[in-house]
Amino acid sequence: MKRPKGVYLVAVWLFLGAFGLSINPVLRILLLGMIENPKTIQIIQTLLLVFIIYLIIGIIKLKPTPTQIIISSIIMSLVSIYQLYAIITFLMFVDVSKKTLIITCWKLFLIISSIAAIIYLNRKNFREYAKEFLAENNQAAMLKFIQKK
């Protein structure tokens, strides 16, 4: 049984889209106002990166716990809400031009990608496939262990 390719797309999106393009810049702006020590900000960003990597590993191995799926969905939902807010405020205060349309289309792409990843992770088929994949891998590991004895 092979891993579905959608798992890799969700993992890449969670890392690049959620962490790199949305959470990290927002976190940096919020923390600069509250924390004056740049080292503390770097430590918080590193901890967030480690947590995102933990979520990604769980998703790629198809061992996502319900908590990992829920947290990943919440993170991507927050990214979508943030990008939607950014689009609305951007269009309210900027004159419409070609550059404005390109930025708006990019932010809409971020929103659509996040929503697609949320739907993919929360489908019943994905959870069932992950359970079957784990059962098959566990069975193969047991057979391999028995053959060594």
C-alpha atoms as a PDB file:
ATOM      1  CA  MET A   1       0.000   0.000   0.000  1.00  0.00           C
ATOM      2  CA  LYS A   2       1.472   3.349  -1.033  1.00  0.00           C
ATOM      3  CA  ARG A   3       1.099   6.683   0.663  1.00  0.00           C
ATOM      4  CA  PRO A   4      -1.229   8.988  -1.232  1.00  0.00           C
ATOM      5  CA  LYS A   5       0.500  11.913  -2.923  1.00  0.00           C
ATOM      6  CA  GLY A   6      -1.955  14.305  -1.295  1.00  0.00           C
ATOM      7  CA  VAL A   7      -0.253  13.696   2.045  1.00  0.00           C
ATOM      8  CA  TYR A   8       2.967  15.188   0.720  1.00  0.00           C
ATOM      9  CA  LEU A   9       1.149  18.199  -0.709  1.00  0.00           C
ATOM     10  CA  VAL A  10      -0.532  18.839   2.645  1.00  0.00           C
ATOM     11  CA  ALA A  11       2.817  18.480   4.443  1.00  0.00           C
ATOM     12  CA  VAL A  12       4.570  20.906   2.091  1.00  0.00           C
ATOM     13  CA  TRP A  13       1.673  23.319   2.379  1.00  0.00           C
ATOM     14  CA  LEU A  14       1.668  23.105   6.167  1.00  0.00           C
ATOM     15  CA  PHE A  15       5.371  23.938   6.245  1.00  0.00           C
ATOM     16  CA  LEU A  16       5.611  26.564   3.517  1.00  0.00           C
ATOM     17  CA  GLY A  17       2.146  28.059   3.494  1.00  0.00           C
ATOM     18  CA  ALA A  18       1.236  27.983   7.129  1.00  0.00           C
ATOM     19  CA  PHE A  19       4.603  28.472   8.784  1.00  0.00           C
ATOM     20  CA  GLY A  20       6.686  30.295   6.201  1.00  0.00           C
ATOM     21  CA  LEU A  21       4.178  32.597   4.569  1.00  0.00           C
ATOM     22  CA  SER A  22       1.702  33.339   7.318  1.00  0.00           C
ATOM     23  CA  ILE A  23       2.468  32.343  10.892  1.00  0.00           C
ATOM     24  CA  ASN A  24       6.158  33.239  11.043  1.00  0.00           C
ATOM     25  CA  PRO A  25       5.795  36.843   9.763  1.00  0.00           C
ATOM     26  CA  VAL A  26       2.701  37.494  11.892  1.00  0.00           C
ATOM     27  CA  LEU A  27       4.368  35.992  14.958  1.00  0.00           C
ATOM     28  CA  ARG A  28       7.456  38.124  14.402  1.00  0.00           C
ATOM     29  CA  ILE A  29       5.350  41.306  14.175  1.00  0.00           C
ATOM     30  CA  LEU A  30       3.273  40.434  17.258  1.00  0.00           C
ATOM     31  CA  LEU A  31       6.256  39.408  19.353  1.00  0.00           C
ATOM     32  CA  LEU A  32       8.316  42.482  18.456  1.00  0.00           C
ATOM     33  CA  GLY A  33       5.686  44.595  20.177  1.00  0.00           C
ATOM     34  CA  MET A  34       5.622  42.448  23.308  1.00  0.00           C
ATOM     35  CA  ILE A  35       9.140  41.061  23.706  1.00  0.00           C
ATOM     36  CA  GLU A  36      12.216  43.205  23.421  1.00  0.00           C
ATOM     37  CA  ASN A  37      14.859  40.468  23.399  1.00  0.00           C
ATOM     38  CA  PRO A  38      15.399  39.156  19.825  1.00  0.00           C
ATOM     39  CA  LYS A  39      16.786  35.861  21.177  1.00  0.00           C
ATOM     40  CA  THR A  40      13.461  35.114  22.884  1.00  0.00           C
ATOM     41  CA  ILE A  41      11.609  35.710  19.617  1.00  0.00           C
ATOM     42  CA  GLN A  42      13.987  33.318  17.837  1.00  0.00           C
ATOM     43  CA  ILE A  43      13.446  30.676  20.522  1.00  0.00           C
ATOM     44  CA  ILE A  44       9.645  30.961  20.200  1.00  0.00           C
ATOM     45  CA  GLN A  45       9.875  30.730  16.400  1.00  0.00           C
ATOM     46  CA  THR A  46      12.129  27.674  16.689  1.00  0.00           C
ATOM     47  CA  LEU A  47       9.698  25.964  19.071  1.00  0.00           C
ATOM     48  CA  LEU A  48       6.850  26.697  16.669  1.00  0.00           C
ATOM     49  CA  LEU A  49       8.917  25.256  13.805  1.00  0.00           C
ATOM     50  CA  VAL A  50       9.602  22.078  15.812  1.00  0.00           C
ATOM     51  CA  PHE A  51       5.886  21.739  16.562  1.00  0.00           C
ATOM     52  CA  ILE A  52       4.959  22.196  12.877  1.00  0.00           C
ATOM     53  CA  ILE A  53       7.563  19.573  11.911  1.00  0.00           C
ATOM     54  CA  TYR A  54       6.037  17.196  14.491  1.00  0.00           C
ATOM     55  CA  LEU A  55       2.630  17.688  12.833  1.00  0.00           C
ATOM     56  CA  ILE A  56       4.127  17.158   9.383  1.00  0.00           C
ATOM     57  CA  ILE A  57       5.873  13.927  10.385  1.00  0.00           C
ATOM     58  CA  GLY A  58       2.633  12.564  11.833  1.00  0.00           C
ATOM     59  CA  ILE A  59       0.794  13.362   8.621  1.00  0.00           C
ATOM     60  CA  ILE A  60       3.475  11.955   6.287  1.00  0.00           C
ATOM     61  CA  LYS A  61       3.792   8.710   8.259  1.00  0.00           C
ATOM     62  CA  LEU A  62      -0.006   8.444   8.103  1.00  0.00           C
ATOM     63  CA  LYS A  63      -0.028   8.166  11.885  1.00  0.00           C
ATOM     64  CA  PRO A  64      -1.930  11.334  12.535  1.00  0.00           C
ATOM     65  CA  THR A  65      -3.568  11.356  15.884  1.00  0.00           C
ATOM     66  CA  PRO A  66      -6.926  13.111  15.996  1.00  0.00           C
ATOM     67  CA  THR A  67      -5.167  15.891  17.898  1.00  0.00           C
ATOM     68  CA  GLN A  68      -2.644  16.378  15.092  1.00  0.00           C
ATOM     69  CA  ILE A  69      -5.391  16.561  12.503  1.00  0.00           C
ATOM     70  CA  ILE A  70      -7.391  19.021  14.607  1.00  0.00           C
ATOM     71  CA  ILE A  71      -4.378  21.236  15.331  1.00  0.00           C
ATOM     72  CA  SER A  72      -3.285  21.179  11.681  1.00  0.00           C
ATOM     73  CA  SER A  73      -6.805  22.090  10.624  1.00  0.00           C
ATOM     74  CA  ILE A  74      -6.957  24.919  13.150  1.00  0.00           C
ATOM     75  CA  ILE A  75      -3.598  26.273  11.994  1.00  0.00           C
ATOM     76  CA  MET A  76      -4.668  26.212   8.358  1.00  0.00           C
ATOM     77  CA  SER A  77      -8.049  27.745   9.256  1.00  0.00           C
ATOM     78  CA  LEU A  78      -6.287  30.594  11.037  1.00  0.00           C
ATOM     79  CA  VAL A  79      -4.040  31.061   7.998  1.00  0.00           C
ATOM     80  CA  SER A  80      -7.139  31.295   5.800  1.00  0.00           C
ATOM     81  CA  ILE A  81      -8.842  33.801   8.098  1.00  0.00           C
ATOM     82  CA  TYR A  82      -5.671  35.886   8.350  1.00  0.00           C
ATOM     83  CA  GLN A  83      -5.208  35.933   4.567  1.00  0.00           C
ATOM     84  CA  LEU A  84      -8.874  36.826   4.034  1.00  0.00           C
ATOM     85  CA  TYR A  85      -8.510  39.705   6.491  1.00  0.00           C
ATOM     86  CA  ALA A  86      -5.331  40.772   4.688  1.00  0.00           C
ATOM     87  CA  ILE A  87      -7.147  40.789   1.337  1.00  0.00           C
ATOM     88  CA  ILE A  88     -10.029  42.884   2.694  1.00  0.00           C
ATOM     89  CA  THR A  89      -7.790  45.464   4.366  1.00  0.00           C
ATOM     90  CA  PHE A  90      -5.438  45.524   1.382  1.00  0.00           C
ATOM     91  CA  LEU A  91      -8.257  46.221  -1.073  1.00  0.00           C
ATOM     92  CA  MET A  92      -9.799  48.856   1.199  1.00  0.00           C
ATOM     93  CA  PHE A  93      -6.649  50.971   1.384  1.00  0.00           C
ATOM     94  CA  VAL A  94      -4.972  50.418  -1.991  1.00  0.00           C
ATOM     95  CA  ASP A  95      -5.958  51.561  -5.444  1.00  0.00           C
ATOM     96  CA  VAL A  96      -6.786  48.755  -7.848  1.00  0.00           C
ATOM     97  CA  SER A  97      -3.907  48.064 -10.223  1.00  0.00           C
ATOM     98  CA  LYS A  98      -2.242  45.105 -11.860  1.00  0.00           C
ATOM     99  CA  LYS A  99       0.047  44.640  -8.865  1.00  0.00           C
ATOM    100  CA  THR A 100      -2.940  44.750  -6.507  1.00  0.00           C
ATOM    101  CA  LEU A 101      -4.711  42.053  -8.502  1.00  0.00           C
ATOM    102  CA  ILE A 102      -1.613  39.836  -8.483  1.00  0.00           C
ATOM    103  CA  ILE A 103      -1.255  40.152  -4.700  1.00  0.00           C
ATOM    104  CA  THR A 104      -4.971  39.502  -4.220  1.00  0.00           C
ATOM    105  CA  CYS A 105      -4.810  36.407  -6.452  1.00  0.00           C
ATOM    106  CA  TRP A 106      -1.790  35.125  -4.487  1.00  0.00           C
ATOM    107  CA  LYS A 107      -3.622  35.546  -1.192  1.00  0.00           C
ATOM    108  CA  LEU A 108      -6.706  33.832  -2.633  1.00  0.00           C
ATOM    109  CA  PHE A 109      -4.438  30.958  -3.670  1.00  0.00           C
ATOM    110  CA  LEU A 110      -3.194  30.715  -0.064  1.00  0.00           C
ATOM    111  CA  ILE A 111      -6.776  30.615   1.201  1.00  0.00           C
ATOM    112  CA  ILE A 112      -7.931  28.000  -1.329  1.00  0.00           C
ATOM    113  CA  SER A 113      -4.863  25.828  -0.650  1.00  0.00           C
ATOM    114  CA  SER A 114      -5.473  25.938   3.092  1.00  0.00           C
ATOM    115  CA  ILE A 115      -9.133  25.042   2.692  1.00  0.00           C
ATOM    116  CA  ALA A 116      -8.257  22.160   0.333  1.00  0.00           C
ATOM    117  CA  ALA A 117      -5.726  20.822   2.855  1.00  0.00           C
ATOM    118  CA  ILE A 118      -8.284  21.053   5.663  1.00  0.00           C
ATOM    119  CA  ILE A 119     -10.856  19.156   3.619  1.00  0.00           C
ATOM    120  CA  TYR A 120      -8.289  16.519   2.638  1.00  0.00           C
ATOM    121  CA  LEU A 121      -7.196  15.884   6.223  1.00  0.00           C
ATOM    122  CA  ASN A 122     -10.720  15.738   7.620  1.00  0.00           C
ATOM    123  CA  ARG A 123     -12.205  13.370   5.049  1.00  0.00           C
ATOM    124  CA  LYS A 124     -13.398  10.040   6.378  1.00  0.00           C
ATOM    125  CA  ASN A 125     -11.556   8.272   3.512  1.00  0.00           C
ATOM    126  CA  PHE A 126      -8.240   9.741   4.639  1.00  0.00           C
ATOM    127  CA  ARG A 127      -8.647   8.513   8.210  1.00  0.00           C
ATOM    128  CA  GLU A 128      -9.718   5.031   7.046  1.00  0.00           C
ATOM    129  CA  TYR A 129      -6.824   4.835   4.579  1.00  0.00           C
ATOM    130  CA  ALA A 130      -4.381   5.882   7.311  1.00  0.00           C
ATOM    131  CA  LYS A 131      -5.696   3.118   9.606  1.00  0.00           C
ATOM    132  CA  GLU A 132      -5.419   0.508   6.829  1.00  0.00           C
ATOM    133  CA  PHE A 133      -1.926   1.720   5.943  1.00  0.00           C
ATOM    134  CA  LEU A 134      -0.758   1.441   9.542  1.00  0.00           C
ATOM    135  CA  ALA A 135      -2.334  -2.003   9.975  1.00  0.00           C
ATOM    136  CA  GLU A 136      -0.623  -3.257   6.814  1.00  0.00           C
ATOM    137  CA  ASN A 137       2.736  -1.809   7.845  1.00  0.00           C
ATOM    138  CA  ASN A 138       2.426  -3.304  11.340  1.00  0.00           C
ATOM    139  CA  GLN A 139       1.567  -6.686   9.857  1.00  0.00           C
ATOM    140  CA  ALA A 140       4.556  -6.513   7.499  1.00  0.00           C
ATOM    141  CA  ALA A 141       6.832  -5.552  10.407  1.00  0.00           C
ATOM    142  CA  MET A 142       5.550  -8.479  12.492  1.00  0.00           C
ATOM    143  CA  LEU A 143       6.126 -10.920   9.640  1.00  0.00           C
ATOM    144  CA  LYS A 144       9.640  -9.573   9.172  1.00  0.00           C
ATOM    145  CA  PHE A 145      10.311  -9.925  12.916  1.00  0.00           C
ATOM    146  CA  ILE A 146       8.973 -13.515  12.966  1.00  0.00           C
ATOM    147  CA  GLN A 147      11.104 -14.479   9.972  1.00  0.00           C
ATOM    148  CA  LYS A 148      14.256 -13.246  11.739  1.00  0.00           C
ATOM    149  CA  LYS A 149      13.621 -15.673  14.622  1.00  0.00           C
END
